Amino acid sequence: MVNQRIAPGLVFDSRLALLLEATRTLVVADLHWGYAESHRAAGNLLPAWGDDEIETTLRALLRDYSPAELIWLGDSLHTSRTAPSSRARAEAFIASSPCPVHVVAGNHDARWALAGAGPLVRGRFILHHGDQHLPAEFAPPADATEIIGHHHPAYVHRDGAGARLKLPALVQSPSRIILPAFSPWAAGVAWNERLAPGEVLWAAAPRRLLPFRAPLA
């Protein structure tokens, strides 16, 4: 693994987690526990894979950073209805975590009692899933930065000869950060052409973080 301080107080880890240094808050988004189980229940013959990888990576991150809290930023379950054993496993992880785990509700978490509504505020950062706008009554400070998930951004490289590489990526601007999906099943949405002027796309390879910048307007 590698990590990079992408702004004062913000560390991005190639294992697709973001650390807020001031509050020692570790954030991941779109875990989709039970993705394979849900599809297998629907008759799609996916391999029984993914939940072990989620848990192993989470525990390694907790060991390496010893955060004061862990935030799951929505879509923590793929579905609570057709993946009951994965829901139980996610809940067991929360119960055994060495630090508090705060679960923000996403559009996949509607029937999960542990998923709170959000948004959460940590210093100058506002954390919510990102599938909806902030509530009208919510008044963020003028210098606030939103941290969201939901969109599954990725960087796509093509060499012009047919080869194609896709890497999960974080989108960064002064006012907004979009986290990559933590799920190992998430293919990701190509974000190369979606970058606004001044934004940075941090592509996460296992041993390197690669920044790609949109041109200034």
N, C-alpha and C. Protein backbone atom coordinates (compact mmCIF):
# COMPACT_ATOMS: atom_id res chain seq x y z
N MET A 1 0.84 -1.19 0.00
CA MET A 1 0.00 0.00 0.00
C MET A 1 0.88 1.24 0.00
N VAL A 2 0.29 2.33 -0.50
CA VAL A 2 0.94 3.64 -0.43
C VAL A 2 -0.12 4.64 0.01
N ASN A 3 0.35 5.78 0.53
CA ASN A 3 -0.59 6.86 0.81
C ASN A 3 0.03 8.19 0.42
N GLN A 4 -0.84 9.20 0.35
CA GLN A 4 -0.41 10.52 -0.13
C GLN A 4 -1.23 11.57 0.59
N ARG A 5 -0.55 12.60 1.12
CA ARG A 5 -1.27 13.75 1.67
C ARG A 5 -1.71 14.60 0.49
N ILE A 6 -2.99 14.59 0.19
CA ILE A 6 -3.49 15.26 -1.01
C ILE A 6 -3.91 16.71 -0.71
N ALA A 7 -3.99 17.07 0.55
CA ALA A 7 -4.29 18.44 0.99
C ALA A 7 -3.95 18.49 2.46
N PRO A 8 -3.78 19.66 3.04
CA PRO A 8 -3.50 19.72 4.47
C PRO A 8 -4.56 18.97 5.28
N GLY A 9 -4.10 18.00 6.05
CA GLY A 9 -5.01 17.24 6.91
C GLY A 9 -5.74 16.11 6.24
N LEU A 10 -5.45 15.82 4.96
CA LEU A 10 -6.14 14.76 4.22
C LEU A 10 -5.13 13.79 3.63
N VAL A 11 -5.27 12.51 3.99
CA VAL A 11 -4.38 11.48 3.48
C VAL A 11 -5.22 10.44 2.73
N PHE A 12 -4.87 10.20 1.46
CA PHE A 12 -5.54 9.19 0.65
C PHE A 12 -4.68 7.95 0.61
N ASP A 13 -5.27 6.82 0.94
CA ASP A 13 -4.58 5.53 0.95
C ASP A 13 -4.98 4.74 -0.29
N SER A 14 -4.02 4.07 -0.91
CA SER A 14 -4.30 3.33 -2.13
C SER A 14 -5.27 2.18 -1.92
N ARG A 15 -5.56 1.85 -0.66
CA ARG A 15 -6.59 0.85 -0.36
C ARG A 15 -7.97 1.48 -0.34
N LEU A 16 -8.08 2.70 -0.88
CA LEU A 16 -9.35 3.38 -1.15
C LEU A 16 -10.00 3.93 0.11
N ALA A 17 -9.18 4.42 1.01
CA ALA A 17 -9.65 5.04 2.24
C ALA A 17 -9.07 6.44 2.35
N LEU A 18 -9.79 7.32 3.05
CA LEU A 18 -9.36 8.69 3.27
C LEU A 18 -9.26 8.93 4.78
N LEU A 19 -8.14 9.50 5.22
CA LEU A 19 -7.94 9.82 6.62
C LEU A 19 -8.05 11.32 6.82
N LEU A 20 -8.94 11.73 7.75
CA LEU A 20 -9.02 13.12 8.19
C LEU A 20 -8.14 13.22 9.42
N GLU A 21 -6.97 13.84 9.25
CA GLU A 21 -5.96 13.76 10.30
C GLU A 21 -6.37 14.50 11.58
N ALA A 22 -7.04 15.62 11.46
CA ALA A 22 -7.35 16.42 12.64
C ALA A 22 -8.23 15.67 13.63
N THR A 23 -9.18 14.89 13.11
CA THR A 23 -10.09 14.15 13.97
C THR A 23 -9.77 12.65 14.00
N ARG A 24 -8.73 12.23 13.28
CA ARG A 24 -8.35 10.82 13.19
C ARG A 24 -9.54 9.97 12.75
N THR A 25 -10.19 10.48 11.69
CA THR A 25 -11.36 9.81 11.13
C THR A 25 -10.98 9.11 9.84
N LEU A 26 -11.25 7.82 9.76
CA LEU A 26 -10.99 7.05 8.56
C LEU A 26 -12.31 6.84 7.83
N VAL A 27 -12.32 7.13 6.54
CA VAL A 27 -13.57 7.12 5.77
C VAL A 27 -13.43 6.20 4.56
N VAL A 28 -14.43 5.35 4.37
CA VAL A 28 -14.55 4.54 3.15
C VAL A 28 -16.00 4.65 2.67
N ALA A 29 -16.22 4.38 1.40
CA ALA A 29 -17.57 4.52 0.83
C ALA A 29 -17.89 3.33 -0.05
N ASP A 30 -19.17 3.02 -0.14
CA ASP A 30 -19.67 2.03 -1.11
C ASP A 30 -18.97 0.68 -0.95
N LEU A 31 -19.11 0.10 0.24
CA LEU A 31 -18.51 -1.21 0.49
C LEU A 31 -19.30 -2.32 -0.20
N HIS A 32 -20.61 -2.20 -0.25
CA HIS A 32 -21.47 -3.19 -0.91
C HIS A 32 -21.21 -4.60 -0.38
N TRP A 33 -21.17 -4.74 0.96
CA TRP A 33 -21.12 -6.09 1.54
C TRP A 33 -22.26 -6.91 0.91
N GLY A 34 -21.96 -8.14 0.53
CA GLY A 34 -22.99 -9.04 0.04
C GLY A 34 -23.31 -8.91 -1.43
N TYR A 35 -22.45 -8.26 -2.20
CA TYR A 35 -22.72 -8.10 -3.62
C TYR A 35 -22.88 -9.46 -4.31
N ALA A 36 -21.92 -10.34 -4.07
CA ALA A 36 -21.99 -11.66 -4.72
C ALA A 36 -23.16 -12.47 -4.18
N GLU A 37 -23.39 -12.43 -2.88
CA GLU A 37 -24.50 -13.18 -2.29
C GLU A 37 -25.83 -12.72 -2.88
N SER A 38 -26.00 -11.42 -3.04
CA SER A 38 -27.25 -10.89 -3.61
C SER A 38 -27.46 -11.40 -5.03
N HIS A 39 -26.40 -11.38 -5.84
CA HIS A 39 -26.54 -11.84 -7.22
C HIS A 39 -26.76 -13.35 -7.29
N ARG A 40 -26.12 -14.10 -6.42
CA ARG A 40 -26.32 -15.55 -6.41
C ARG A 40 -27.75 -15.89 -6.02
N ALA A 41 -28.33 -15.11 -5.09
CA ALA A 41 -29.71 -15.34 -4.69
C ALA A 41 -30.67 -15.07 -5.85
N ALA A 42 -30.26 -14.20 -6.77
CA ALA A 42 -31.08 -13.88 -7.94
C ALA A 42 -30.82 -14.82 -9.11
N GLY A 43 -29.94 -15.80 -8.91
CA GLY A 43 -29.65 -16.77 -9.95
C GLY A 43 -28.47 -16.45 -10.83
N ASN A 44 -27.75 -15.38 -10.53
CA ASN A 44 -26.55 -15.03 -11.29
C ASN A 44 -25.34 -15.73 -10.67
N LEU A 45 -24.62 -16.48 -11.45
CA LEU A 45 -23.59 -17.37 -10.92
C LEU A 45 -22.26 -16.65 -10.72
N LEU A 46 -22.26 -15.71 -9.81
CA LEU A 46 -21.01 -15.05 -9.42
C LEU A 46 -20.27 -15.91 -8.41
N PRO A 47 -18.94 -15.87 -8.42
CA PRO A 47 -18.19 -16.59 -7.38
C PRO A 47 -18.45 -15.98 -6.01
N ALA A 48 -18.43 -16.82 -4.98
CA ALA A 48 -18.65 -16.36 -3.60
C ALA A 48 -17.38 -15.66 -3.12
N TRP A 49 -17.24 -14.44 -3.51
CA TRP A 49 -16.00 -13.69 -3.32
C TRP A 49 -16.35 -12.24 -3.00
N GLY A 50 -15.51 -11.57 -2.24
CA GLY A 50 -15.66 -10.15 -2.00
C GLY A 50 -15.72 -9.76 -0.54
N ASP A 51 -16.56 -10.43 0.25
CA ASP A 51 -16.70 -10.03 1.66
C ASP A 51 -15.42 -10.28 2.45
N ASP A 52 -14.72 -11.38 2.17
CA ASP A 52 -13.44 -11.63 2.85
C ASP A 52 -12.46 -10.50 2.55
N GLU A 53 -12.43 -10.06 1.30
CA GLU A 53 -11.50 -9.00 0.90
C GLU A 53 -11.86 -7.68 1.59
N ILE A 54 -13.15 -7.39 1.68
CA ILE A 54 -13.58 -6.17 2.38
C ILE A 54 -13.10 -6.20 3.82
N GLU A 55 -13.37 -7.30 4.52
CA GLU A 55 -13.01 -7.36 5.93
C GLU A 55 -11.50 -7.33 6.14
N THR A 56 -10.76 -8.06 5.33
CA THR A 56 -9.30 -8.09 5.48
C THR A 56 -8.70 -6.70 5.29
N THR A 57 -9.18 -5.97 4.28
CA THR A 57 -8.64 -4.64 4.02
C THR A 57 -9.02 -3.66 5.12
N LEU A 58 -10.27 -3.73 5.58
CA LEU A 58 -10.69 -2.85 6.67
C LEU A 58 -9.84 -3.08 7.92
N ARG A 59 -9.61 -4.33 8.26
CA ARG A 59 -8.84 -4.61 9.47
C ARG A 59 -7.39 -4.16 9.32
N ALA A 60 -6.85 -4.28 8.12
CA ALA A 60 -5.49 -3.79 7.89
C ALA A 60 -5.43 -2.27 8.03
N LEU A 61 -6.43 -1.57 7.51
CA LEU A 61 -6.47 -0.12 7.64
C LEU A 61 -6.58 0.31 9.11
N LEU A 62 -7.42 -0.38 9.87
CA LEU A 62 -7.55 -0.06 11.29
C LEU A 62 -6.24 -0.31 12.03
N ARG A 63 -5.57 -1.37 11.68
CA ARG A 63 -4.28 -1.67 12.31
C ARG A 63 -3.24 -0.62 11.96
N ASP A 64 -3.20 -0.18 10.72
CA ASP A 64 -2.15 0.74 10.26
C ASP A 64 -2.37 2.17 10.73
N TYR A 65 -3.64 2.60 10.87
CA TYR A 65 -3.92 4.00 11.19
C TYR A 65 -4.41 4.22 12.62
N SER A 66 -4.90 3.17 13.28
CA SER A 66 -5.46 3.31 14.64
C SER A 66 -6.36 4.54 14.75
N PRO A 67 -7.39 4.64 13.90
CA PRO A 67 -8.23 5.84 13.91
C PRO A 67 -9.10 5.93 15.15
N ALA A 68 -9.57 7.13 15.42
CA ALA A 68 -10.51 7.32 16.52
C ALA A 68 -11.90 6.86 16.12
N GLU A 69 -12.19 6.85 14.83
CA GLU A 69 -13.50 6.39 14.34
C GLU A 69 -13.35 5.97 12.88
N LEU A 70 -14.30 5.15 12.45
CA LEU A 70 -14.38 4.69 11.07
C LEU A 70 -15.77 5.06 10.56
N ILE A 71 -15.83 5.70 9.39
CA ILE A 71 -17.11 6.06 8.80
C ILE A 71 -17.30 5.26 7.51
N TRP A 72 -18.45 4.58 7.41
CA TRP A 72 -18.88 3.95 6.17
C TRP A 72 -19.84 4.92 5.50
N LEU A 73 -19.47 5.43 4.35
CA LEU A 73 -20.18 6.58 3.77
C LEU A 73 -21.25 6.14 2.77
N GLY A 74 -22.12 5.25 3.20
CA GLY A 74 -23.27 4.87 2.39
C GLY A 74 -23.04 3.69 1.48
N ASP A 75 -24.14 3.01 1.13
CA ASP A 75 -24.12 1.78 0.35
C ASP A 75 -23.15 0.77 0.96
N SER A 76 -23.25 0.65 2.27
CA SER A 76 -22.39 -0.31 2.98
C SER A 76 -22.81 -1.73 2.67
N LEU A 77 -24.12 -1.97 2.55
CA LEU A 77 -24.64 -3.25 2.09
C LEU A 77 -25.06 -3.12 0.63
N HIS A 78 -24.97 -4.22 -0.10
CA HIS A 78 -25.53 -4.18 -1.45
C HIS A 78 -27.05 -4.26 -1.38
N THR A 79 -27.53 -5.12 -0.52
CA THR A 79 -28.95 -5.18 -0.18
C THR A 79 -29.07 -5.91 1.14
N SER A 80 -29.99 -5.48 1.99
CA SER A 80 -30.19 -6.16 3.27
C SER A 80 -31.17 -7.31 3.13
N ARG A 81 -31.90 -7.38 2.01
CA ARG A 81 -32.96 -8.38 1.87
C ARG A 81 -32.45 -9.72 1.34
N THR A 82 -31.60 -9.68 0.30
CA THR A 82 -31.17 -10.93 -0.33
C THR A 82 -29.76 -11.35 0.07
N ALA A 83 -29.16 -10.66 1.01
CA ALA A 83 -27.82 -11.04 1.47
C ALA A 83 -27.78 -11.02 3.00
N PRO A 84 -28.61 -11.85 3.65
CA PRO A 84 -28.68 -11.78 5.12
C PRO A 84 -27.39 -12.18 5.82
N SER A 85 -26.65 -13.13 5.26
CA SER A 85 -25.42 -13.53 5.94
C SER A 85 -24.37 -12.43 5.82
N SER A 86 -24.35 -11.70 4.72
CA SER A 86 -23.41 -10.58 4.58
C SER A 86 -23.80 -9.43 5.50
N ARG A 87 -25.09 -9.19 5.65
CA ARG A 87 -25.52 -8.17 6.61
C ARG A 87 -25.05 -8.55 8.01
N ALA A 88 -25.21 -9.83 8.37
CA ALA A 88 -24.77 -10.28 9.69
C ALA A 88 -23.27 -10.13 9.83
N ARG A 89 -22.54 -10.37 8.76
CA ARG A 89 -21.08 -10.25 8.83
C ARG A 89 -20.67 -8.79 9.00
N ALA A 90 -21.33 -7.89 8.28
CA ALA A 90 -21.03 -6.46 8.44
C ALA A 90 -21.33 -6.02 9.87
N GLU A 91 -22.44 -6.49 10.41
CA GLU A 91 -22.80 -6.11 11.78
C GLU A 91 -21.82 -6.70 12.79
N ALA A 92 -21.33 -7.90 12.53
CA ALA A 92 -20.32 -8.50 13.42
C ALA A 92 -19.03 -7.71 13.37
N PHE A 93 -18.67 -7.23 12.17
CA PHE A 93 -17.46 -6.40 12.06
C PHE A 93 -17.62 -5.14 12.90
N ILE A 94 -18.76 -4.48 12.78
CA ILE A 94 -19.00 -3.26 13.56
C ILE A 94 -18.89 -3.54 15.05
N ALA A 95 -19.48 -4.65 15.48
CA ALA A 95 -19.46 -4.99 16.91
C ALA A 95 -18.06 -5.27 17.42
N SER A 96 -17.20 -5.78 16.54
CA SER A 96 -15.85 -6.17 16.98
C SER A 96 -14.80 -5.10 16.68
N SER A 97 -15.18 -4.01 16.05
CA SER A 97 -14.21 -2.99 15.66
C SER A 97 -13.56 -2.36 16.89
N PRO A 98 -12.26 -2.10 16.84
CA PRO A 98 -11.58 -1.46 17.97
C PRO A 98 -11.92 0.03 18.12
N CYS A 99 -12.61 0.61 17.14
CA CYS A 99 -13.05 2.00 17.24
C CYS A 99 -14.51 2.08 16.82
N PRO A 100 -15.21 3.15 17.17
CA PRO A 100 -16.60 3.28 16.74
C PRO A 100 -16.71 3.31 15.21
N VAL A 101 -17.76 2.66 14.70
CA VAL A 101 -18.06 2.67 13.27
C VAL A 101 -19.39 3.41 13.08
N HIS A 102 -19.36 4.50 12.31
CA HIS A 102 -20.56 5.27 12.01
C HIS A 102 -20.99 4.95 10.58
N VAL A 103 -22.23 4.53 10.43
CA VAL A 103 -22.74 4.10 9.14
C VAL A 103 -23.71 5.15 8.61
N VAL A 104 -23.33 5.81 7.53
CA VAL A 104 -24.18 6.80 6.87
C VAL A 104 -25.06 6.08 5.86
N ALA A 105 -26.32 6.43 5.80
CA ALA A 105 -27.25 5.77 4.89
C ALA A 105 -26.96 6.13 3.45
N GLY A 106 -27.03 5.12 2.59
CA GLY A 106 -26.96 5.32 1.14
C GLY A 106 -28.22 4.76 0.51
N ASN A 107 -28.31 4.85 -0.80
CA ASN A 107 -29.51 4.40 -1.48
C ASN A 107 -29.69 2.89 -1.44
N HIS A 108 -28.64 2.13 -1.13
CA HIS A 108 -28.77 0.67 -0.99
C HIS A 108 -29.08 0.24 0.44
N ASP A 109 -29.11 1.17 1.38
CA ASP A 109 -29.19 0.81 2.80
C ASP A 109 -30.57 1.07 3.41
N ALA A 110 -31.60 1.22 2.59
CA ALA A 110 -32.89 1.71 3.09
C ALA A 110 -33.48 0.83 4.18
N ARG A 111 -33.26 -0.46 4.13
CA ARG A 111 -33.88 -1.37 5.10
C ARG A 111 -32.92 -1.80 6.20
N TRP A 112 -31.80 -1.13 6.34
CA TRP A 112 -30.82 -1.54 7.35
C TRP A 112 -30.91 -0.59 8.53
N ALA A 113 -31.24 -1.14 9.69
CA ALA A 113 -31.48 -0.31 10.88
C ALA A 113 -30.23 0.42 11.35
N LEU A 114 -29.03 -0.11 11.06
CA LEU A 114 -27.80 0.51 11.54
C LEU A 114 -27.37 1.72 10.72
N ALA A 115 -28.00 1.93 9.58
CA ALA A 115 -27.59 3.04 8.70
C ALA A 115 -28.30 4.31 9.13
N GLY A 116 -27.52 5.29 9.61
CA GLY A 116 -28.08 6.58 10.00
C GLY A 116 -28.24 7.48 8.80
N ALA A 117 -28.97 8.54 8.97
CA ALA A 117 -29.31 9.39 7.83
C ALA A 117 -28.15 10.27 7.38
N GLY A 118 -27.38 10.82 8.34
CA GLY A 118 -26.35 11.79 7.96
C GLY A 118 -27.01 13.13 7.63
N PRO A 119 -26.29 14.16 7.19
CA PRO A 119 -24.82 14.14 7.05
C PRO A 119 -24.10 14.24 8.39
N LEU A 120 -22.81 13.90 8.36
CA LEU A 120 -21.94 14.06 9.52
C LEU A 120 -21.00 15.23 9.27
N VAL A 121 -20.63 15.91 10.33
CA VAL A 121 -19.69 17.02 10.23
C VAL A 121 -18.47 16.69 11.07
N ARG A 122 -17.32 16.79 10.45
CA ARG A 122 -16.04 16.60 11.14
C ARG A 122 -15.14 17.78 10.79
N GLY A 123 -15.03 18.74 11.71
CA GLY A 123 -14.27 19.93 11.41
C GLY A 123 -14.89 20.68 10.26
N ARG A 124 -14.09 20.94 9.21
CA ARG A 124 -14.60 21.66 8.05
C ARG A 124 -15.16 20.72 6.98
N PHE A 125 -15.27 19.44 7.31
CA PHE A 125 -15.73 18.46 6.32
C PHE A 125 -17.16 18.02 6.61
N ILE A 126 -17.95 17.93 5.56
CA ILE A 126 -19.32 17.46 5.64
C ILE A 126 -19.39 16.14 4.87
N LEU A 127 -19.81 15.09 5.55
CA LEU A 127 -19.80 13.75 4.96
C LEU A 127 -21.22 13.25 4.78
N HIS A 128 -21.56 12.89 3.53
CA HIS A 128 -22.84 12.24 3.25
C HIS A 128 -22.65 11.36 2.03
N HIS A 129 -23.66 10.55 1.72
CA HIS A 129 -23.46 9.55 0.67
C HIS A 129 -23.29 10.19 -0.70
N GLY A 130 -24.09 11.20 -1.00
CA GLY A 130 -23.94 11.88 -2.27
C GLY A 130 -25.01 11.56 -3.29
N ASP A 131 -25.96 10.70 -2.94
CA ASP A 131 -27.05 10.39 -3.87
C ASP A 131 -28.11 11.48 -3.87
N GLN A 132 -28.10 12.35 -2.86
CA GLN A 132 -29.04 13.46 -2.78
C GLN A 132 -28.29 14.72 -2.37
N HIS A 133 -28.89 15.87 -2.63
CA HIS A 133 -28.31 17.13 -2.19
C HIS A 133 -28.44 17.23 -0.67
N LEU A 134 -27.60 18.07 -0.07
CA LEU A 134 -27.72 18.32 1.35
C LEU A 134 -29.10 18.89 1.67
N PRO A 135 -29.65 18.55 2.84
CA PRO A 135 -30.96 19.10 3.21
C PRO A 135 -30.95 20.62 3.18
N ALA A 136 -32.09 21.21 2.80
CA ALA A 136 -32.17 22.66 2.67
C ALA A 136 -31.89 23.37 3.98
N GLU A 137 -32.26 22.71 5.09
CA GLU A 137 -32.05 23.34 6.39
C GLU A 137 -30.62 23.21 6.89
N PHE A 138 -29.80 22.45 6.17
CA PHE A 138 -28.41 22.25 6.58
C PHE A 138 -27.58 23.43 6.07
N ALA A 139 -26.94 24.13 6.97
CA ALA A 139 -26.17 25.33 6.60
C ALA A 139 -24.69 25.08 6.83
N PRO A 140 -23.94 24.62 5.81
CA PRO A 140 -22.52 24.36 5.99
C PRO A 140 -21.73 25.66 6.10
N PRO A 141 -20.58 25.64 6.77
CA PRO A 141 -19.73 26.83 6.78
C PRO A 141 -19.23 27.16 5.38
N ALA A 142 -18.85 28.40 5.19
CA ALA A 142 -18.48 28.87 3.86
C ALA A 142 -17.29 28.11 3.27
N ASP A 143 -16.36 27.67 4.12
CA ASP A 143 -15.16 27.00 3.62
C ASP A 143 -15.27 25.49 3.69
N ALA A 144 -16.49 24.97 3.81
CA ALA A 144 -16.67 23.52 3.99
C ALA A 144 -16.31 22.75 2.72
N THR A 145 -15.84 21.53 2.93
CA THR A 145 -15.59 20.59 1.85
C THR A 145 -16.50 19.39 2.04
N GLU A 146 -17.29 19.06 1.02
CA GLU A 146 -18.12 17.87 1.06
C GLU A 146 -17.28 16.64 0.75
N ILE A 147 -17.52 15.57 1.46
CA ILE A 147 -16.93 14.27 1.15
C ILE A 147 -18.08 13.31 0.91
N ILE A 148 -18.12 12.75 -0.30
CA ILE A 148 -19.23 11.88 -0.69
C ILE A 148 -18.70 10.61 -1.35
N GLY A 149 -19.61 9.67 -1.57
CA GLY A 149 -19.33 8.46 -2.33
C GLY A 149 -20.30 8.40 -3.50
N HIS A 150 -20.95 7.24 -3.65
CA HIS A 150 -22.08 7.02 -4.56
C HIS A 150 -21.70 6.89 -6.03
N HIS A 151 -20.77 7.68 -6.52
CA HIS A 151 -20.53 7.78 -7.96
C HIS A 151 -19.50 6.77 -8.49
N HIS A 152 -18.72 6.12 -7.63
CA HIS A 152 -17.75 5.11 -8.05
C HIS A 152 -16.78 5.63 -9.11
N PRO A 153 -16.10 6.75 -8.90
CA PRO A 153 -15.22 7.27 -9.96
C PRO A 153 -14.03 6.35 -10.24
N ALA A 154 -13.57 6.38 -11.47
CA ALA A 154 -12.42 5.59 -11.89
C ALA A 154 -11.65 6.36 -12.96
N TYR A 155 -10.37 6.00 -13.10
CA TYR A 155 -9.53 6.54 -14.18
C TYR A 155 -9.36 5.44 -15.23
N VAL A 156 -9.55 5.79 -16.49
CA VAL A 156 -9.40 4.83 -17.58
C VAL A 156 -8.27 5.29 -18.50
N HIS A 157 -7.34 4.37 -18.74
CA HIS A 157 -6.23 4.65 -19.66
C HIS A 157 -6.34 3.74 -20.87
N ARG A 158 -6.20 4.32 -22.05
CA ARG A 158 -6.17 3.56 -23.30
C ARG A 158 -4.87 3.90 -24.02
N ASP A 159 -4.23 2.88 -24.59
CA ASP A 159 -2.93 3.12 -25.23
C ASP A 159 -3.04 3.35 -26.73
N GLY A 160 -4.27 3.34 -27.27
CA GLY A 160 -4.44 3.57 -28.70
C GLY A 160 -4.28 2.32 -29.54
N ALA A 161 -3.85 1.23 -28.92
CA ALA A 161 -3.65 -0.02 -29.67
C ALA A 161 -4.58 -1.13 -29.16
N GLY A 162 -5.56 -0.76 -28.37
CA GLY A 162 -6.54 -1.74 -27.90
C GLY A 162 -6.46 -2.07 -26.42
N ALA A 163 -5.34 -1.74 -25.77
CA ALA A 163 -5.22 -2.03 -24.34
C ALA A 163 -6.00 -0.99 -23.53
N ARG A 164 -6.59 -1.43 -22.44
CA ARG A 164 -7.41 -0.55 -21.60
C ARG A 164 -7.18 -0.91 -20.15
N LEU A 165 -6.94 0.09 -19.33
CA LEU A 165 -6.71 -0.10 -17.90
C LEU A 165 -7.66 0.81 -17.14
N LYS A 166 -8.37 0.25 -16.16
CA LYS A 166 -9.26 1.04 -15.32
C LYS A 166 -8.82 0.91 -13.87
N LEU A 167 -8.69 2.05 -13.19
CA LEU A 167 -8.29 2.08 -11.79
C LEU A 167 -9.31 2.89 -10.99
N PRO A 168 -9.67 2.43 -9.79
CA PRO A 168 -10.52 3.26 -8.93
C PRO A 168 -9.82 4.57 -8.63
N ALA A 169 -10.59 5.63 -8.44
CA ALA A 169 -9.98 6.96 -8.30
C ALA A 169 -10.79 7.84 -7.36
N LEU A 170 -10.09 8.79 -6.76
CA LEU A 170 -10.70 9.82 -5.92
C LEU A 170 -10.71 11.12 -6.70
N VAL A 171 -11.82 11.84 -6.63
CA VAL A 171 -11.96 13.14 -7.29
C VAL A 171 -11.80 14.23 -6.22
N GLN A 172 -10.90 15.17 -6.45
CA GLN A 172 -10.61 16.21 -5.46
C GLN A 172 -10.75 17.60 -6.05
N SER A 173 -11.48 18.45 -5.32
CA SER A 173 -11.49 19.88 -5.57
C SER A 173 -11.56 20.56 -4.21
N PRO A 174 -11.37 21.87 -4.12
CA PRO A 174 -11.43 22.54 -2.82
C PRO A 174 -12.77 22.38 -2.11
N SER A 175 -13.85 22.22 -2.86
CA SER A 175 -15.17 22.17 -2.24
C SER A 175 -15.78 20.78 -2.16
N ARG A 176 -15.18 19.79 -2.85
CA ARG A 176 -15.80 18.46 -2.91
C ARG A 176 -14.75 17.38 -3.13
N ILE A 177 -14.94 16.27 -2.41
CA ILE A 177 -14.14 15.06 -2.64
C ILE A 177 -15.11 13.91 -2.87
N ILE A 178 -14.88 13.16 -3.96
CA ILE A 178 -15.68 11.97 -4.24
C ILE A 178 -14.79 10.76 -4.04
N LEU A 179 -15.16 9.89 -3.11
CA LEU A 179 -14.36 8.71 -2.82
C LEU A 179 -14.62 7.60 -3.83
N PRO A 180 -13.61 6.79 -4.11
CA PRO A 180 -13.84 5.60 -4.93
C PRO A 180 -14.65 4.57 -4.15
N ALA A 181 -15.28 3.67 -4.85
CA ALA A 181 -16.00 2.58 -4.20
C ALA A 181 -14.99 1.62 -3.57
N PHE A 182 -15.27 1.24 -2.33
CA PHE A 182 -14.40 0.32 -1.60
C PHE A 182 -14.64 -1.13 -2.04
N SER A 183 -15.81 -1.41 -2.59
CA SER A 183 -16.15 -2.77 -2.99
C SER A 183 -15.18 -3.30 -4.05
N PRO A 184 -14.66 -4.52 -3.87
CA PRO A 184 -13.80 -5.09 -4.92
C PRO A 184 -14.57 -5.45 -6.18
N TRP A 185 -15.90 -5.44 -6.12
CA TRP A 185 -16.71 -5.73 -7.30
C TRP A 185 -16.99 -4.48 -8.13
N ALA A 186 -16.74 -3.30 -7.60
CA ALA A 186 -17.13 -2.07 -8.29
C ALA A 186 -16.21 -1.81 -9.49
N ALA A 187 -16.79 -1.80 -10.67
CA ALA A 187 -15.99 -1.55 -11.87
C ALA A 187 -15.57 -0.09 -11.95
N GLY A 188 -16.41 0.80 -11.49
CA GLY A 188 -16.08 2.22 -11.53
C GLY A 188 -16.57 2.90 -12.79
N VAL A 189 -16.85 4.18 -12.65
CA VAL A 189 -17.34 5.01 -13.77
C VAL A 189 -16.18 5.86 -14.27
N ALA A 190 -15.87 5.77 -15.55
CA ALA A 190 -14.77 6.56 -16.12
C ALA A 190 -15.00 8.04 -15.87
N TRP A 191 -14.04 8.67 -15.20
CA TRP A 191 -14.20 10.07 -14.80
C TRP A 191 -13.27 11.02 -15.55
N ASN A 192 -12.46 10.50 -16.46
CA ASN A 192 -11.47 11.32 -17.14
C ASN A 192 -12.10 12.56 -17.78
N GLU A 193 -13.22 12.37 -18.46
CA GLU A 193 -13.84 13.47 -19.19
C GLU A 193 -14.84 14.25 -18.33
N ARG A 194 -15.00 13.84 -17.08
CA ARG A 194 -15.96 14.51 -16.20
C ARG A 194 -15.30 15.53 -15.28
N LEU A 195 -14.00 15.57 -15.28
CA LEU A 195 -13.32 16.48 -14.37
C LEU A 195 -13.65 17.93 -14.71
N ALA A 196 -14.00 18.69 -13.68
CA ALA A 196 -14.20 20.13 -13.85
C ALA A 196 -12.85 20.83 -13.80
N PRO A 197 -12.75 22.03 -14.35
CA PRO A 197 -11.48 22.76 -14.30
C PRO A 197 -10.97 22.88 -12.86
N GLY A 198 -9.68 22.54 -12.68
CA GLY A 198 -9.07 22.62 -11.37
C GLY A 198 -9.19 21.38 -10.52
N GLU A 199 -10.01 20.40 -10.94
CA GLU A 199 -10.13 19.17 -10.16
C GLU A 199 -8.97 18.23 -10.46
N VAL A 200 -8.73 17.34 -9.50
CA VAL A 200 -7.68 16.33 -9.64
C VAL A 200 -8.32 14.95 -9.49
N LEU A 201 -7.93 14.03 -10.36
CA LEU A 201 -8.36 12.65 -10.30
C LEU A 201 -7.19 11.81 -9.82
N TRP A 202 -7.29 11.26 -8.60
CA TRP A 202 -6.22 10.45 -8.03
C TRP A 202 -6.50 8.98 -8.32
N ALA A 203 -5.81 8.41 -9.30
CA ALA A 203 -5.96 7.00 -9.64
C ALA A 203 -5.17 6.15 -8.64
N ALA A 204 -5.81 5.10 -8.14
CA ALA A 204 -5.22 4.28 -7.07
C ALA A 204 -4.76 2.94 -7.62
N ALA A 205 -3.47 2.82 -7.88
CA ALA A 205 -2.86 1.52 -8.16
C ALA A 205 -2.34 0.94 -6.84
N PRO A 206 -2.13 -0.37 -6.78
CA PRO A 206 -1.71 -0.95 -5.50
C PRO A 206 -0.46 -0.33 -4.90
N ARG A 207 0.49 0.08 -5.72
CA ARG A 207 1.76 0.61 -5.21
C ARG A 207 2.03 2.06 -5.60
N ARG A 208 1.01 2.73 -6.13
CA ARG A 208 1.24 4.10 -6.57
C ARG A 208 -0.09 4.85 -6.69
N LEU A 209 -0.07 6.13 -6.33
CA LEU A 209 -1.20 7.01 -6.53
C LEU A 209 -0.83 8.01 -7.62
N LEU A 210 -1.66 8.10 -8.64
CA LEU A 210 -1.32 8.87 -9.84
C LEU A 210 -2.31 10.03 -9.98
N PRO A 211 -1.84 11.29 -9.90
CA PRO A 211 -2.76 12.42 -10.07
C PRO A 211 -2.89 12.85 -11.53
N PHE A 212 -4.13 13.08 -11.95
CA PHE A 212 -4.42 13.61 -13.27
C PHE A 212 -5.28 14.86 -13.09
N ARG A 213 -4.86 15.94 -13.70
CA ARG A 213 -5.49 17.23 -13.45
C ARG A 213 -6.28 17.71 -14.67
N ALA A 214 -7.43 18.30 -14.36
CA ALA A 214 -8.20 18.96 -15.42
C ALA A 214 -7.57 20.32 -15.69
N PRO A 215 -7.58 20.76 -16.93
CA PRO A 215 -7.01 22.08 -17.23
C PRO A 215 -7.82 23.19 -16.58
N LEU A 216 -7.15 24.26 -16.21
CA LEU A 216 -7.84 25.41 -15.65
C LEU A 216 -8.65 26.09 -16.74
N ALA A 217 -9.78 26.64 -16.35
CA ALA A 217 -10.64 27.32 -17.34
C ALA A 217 -9.96 28.58 -17.84
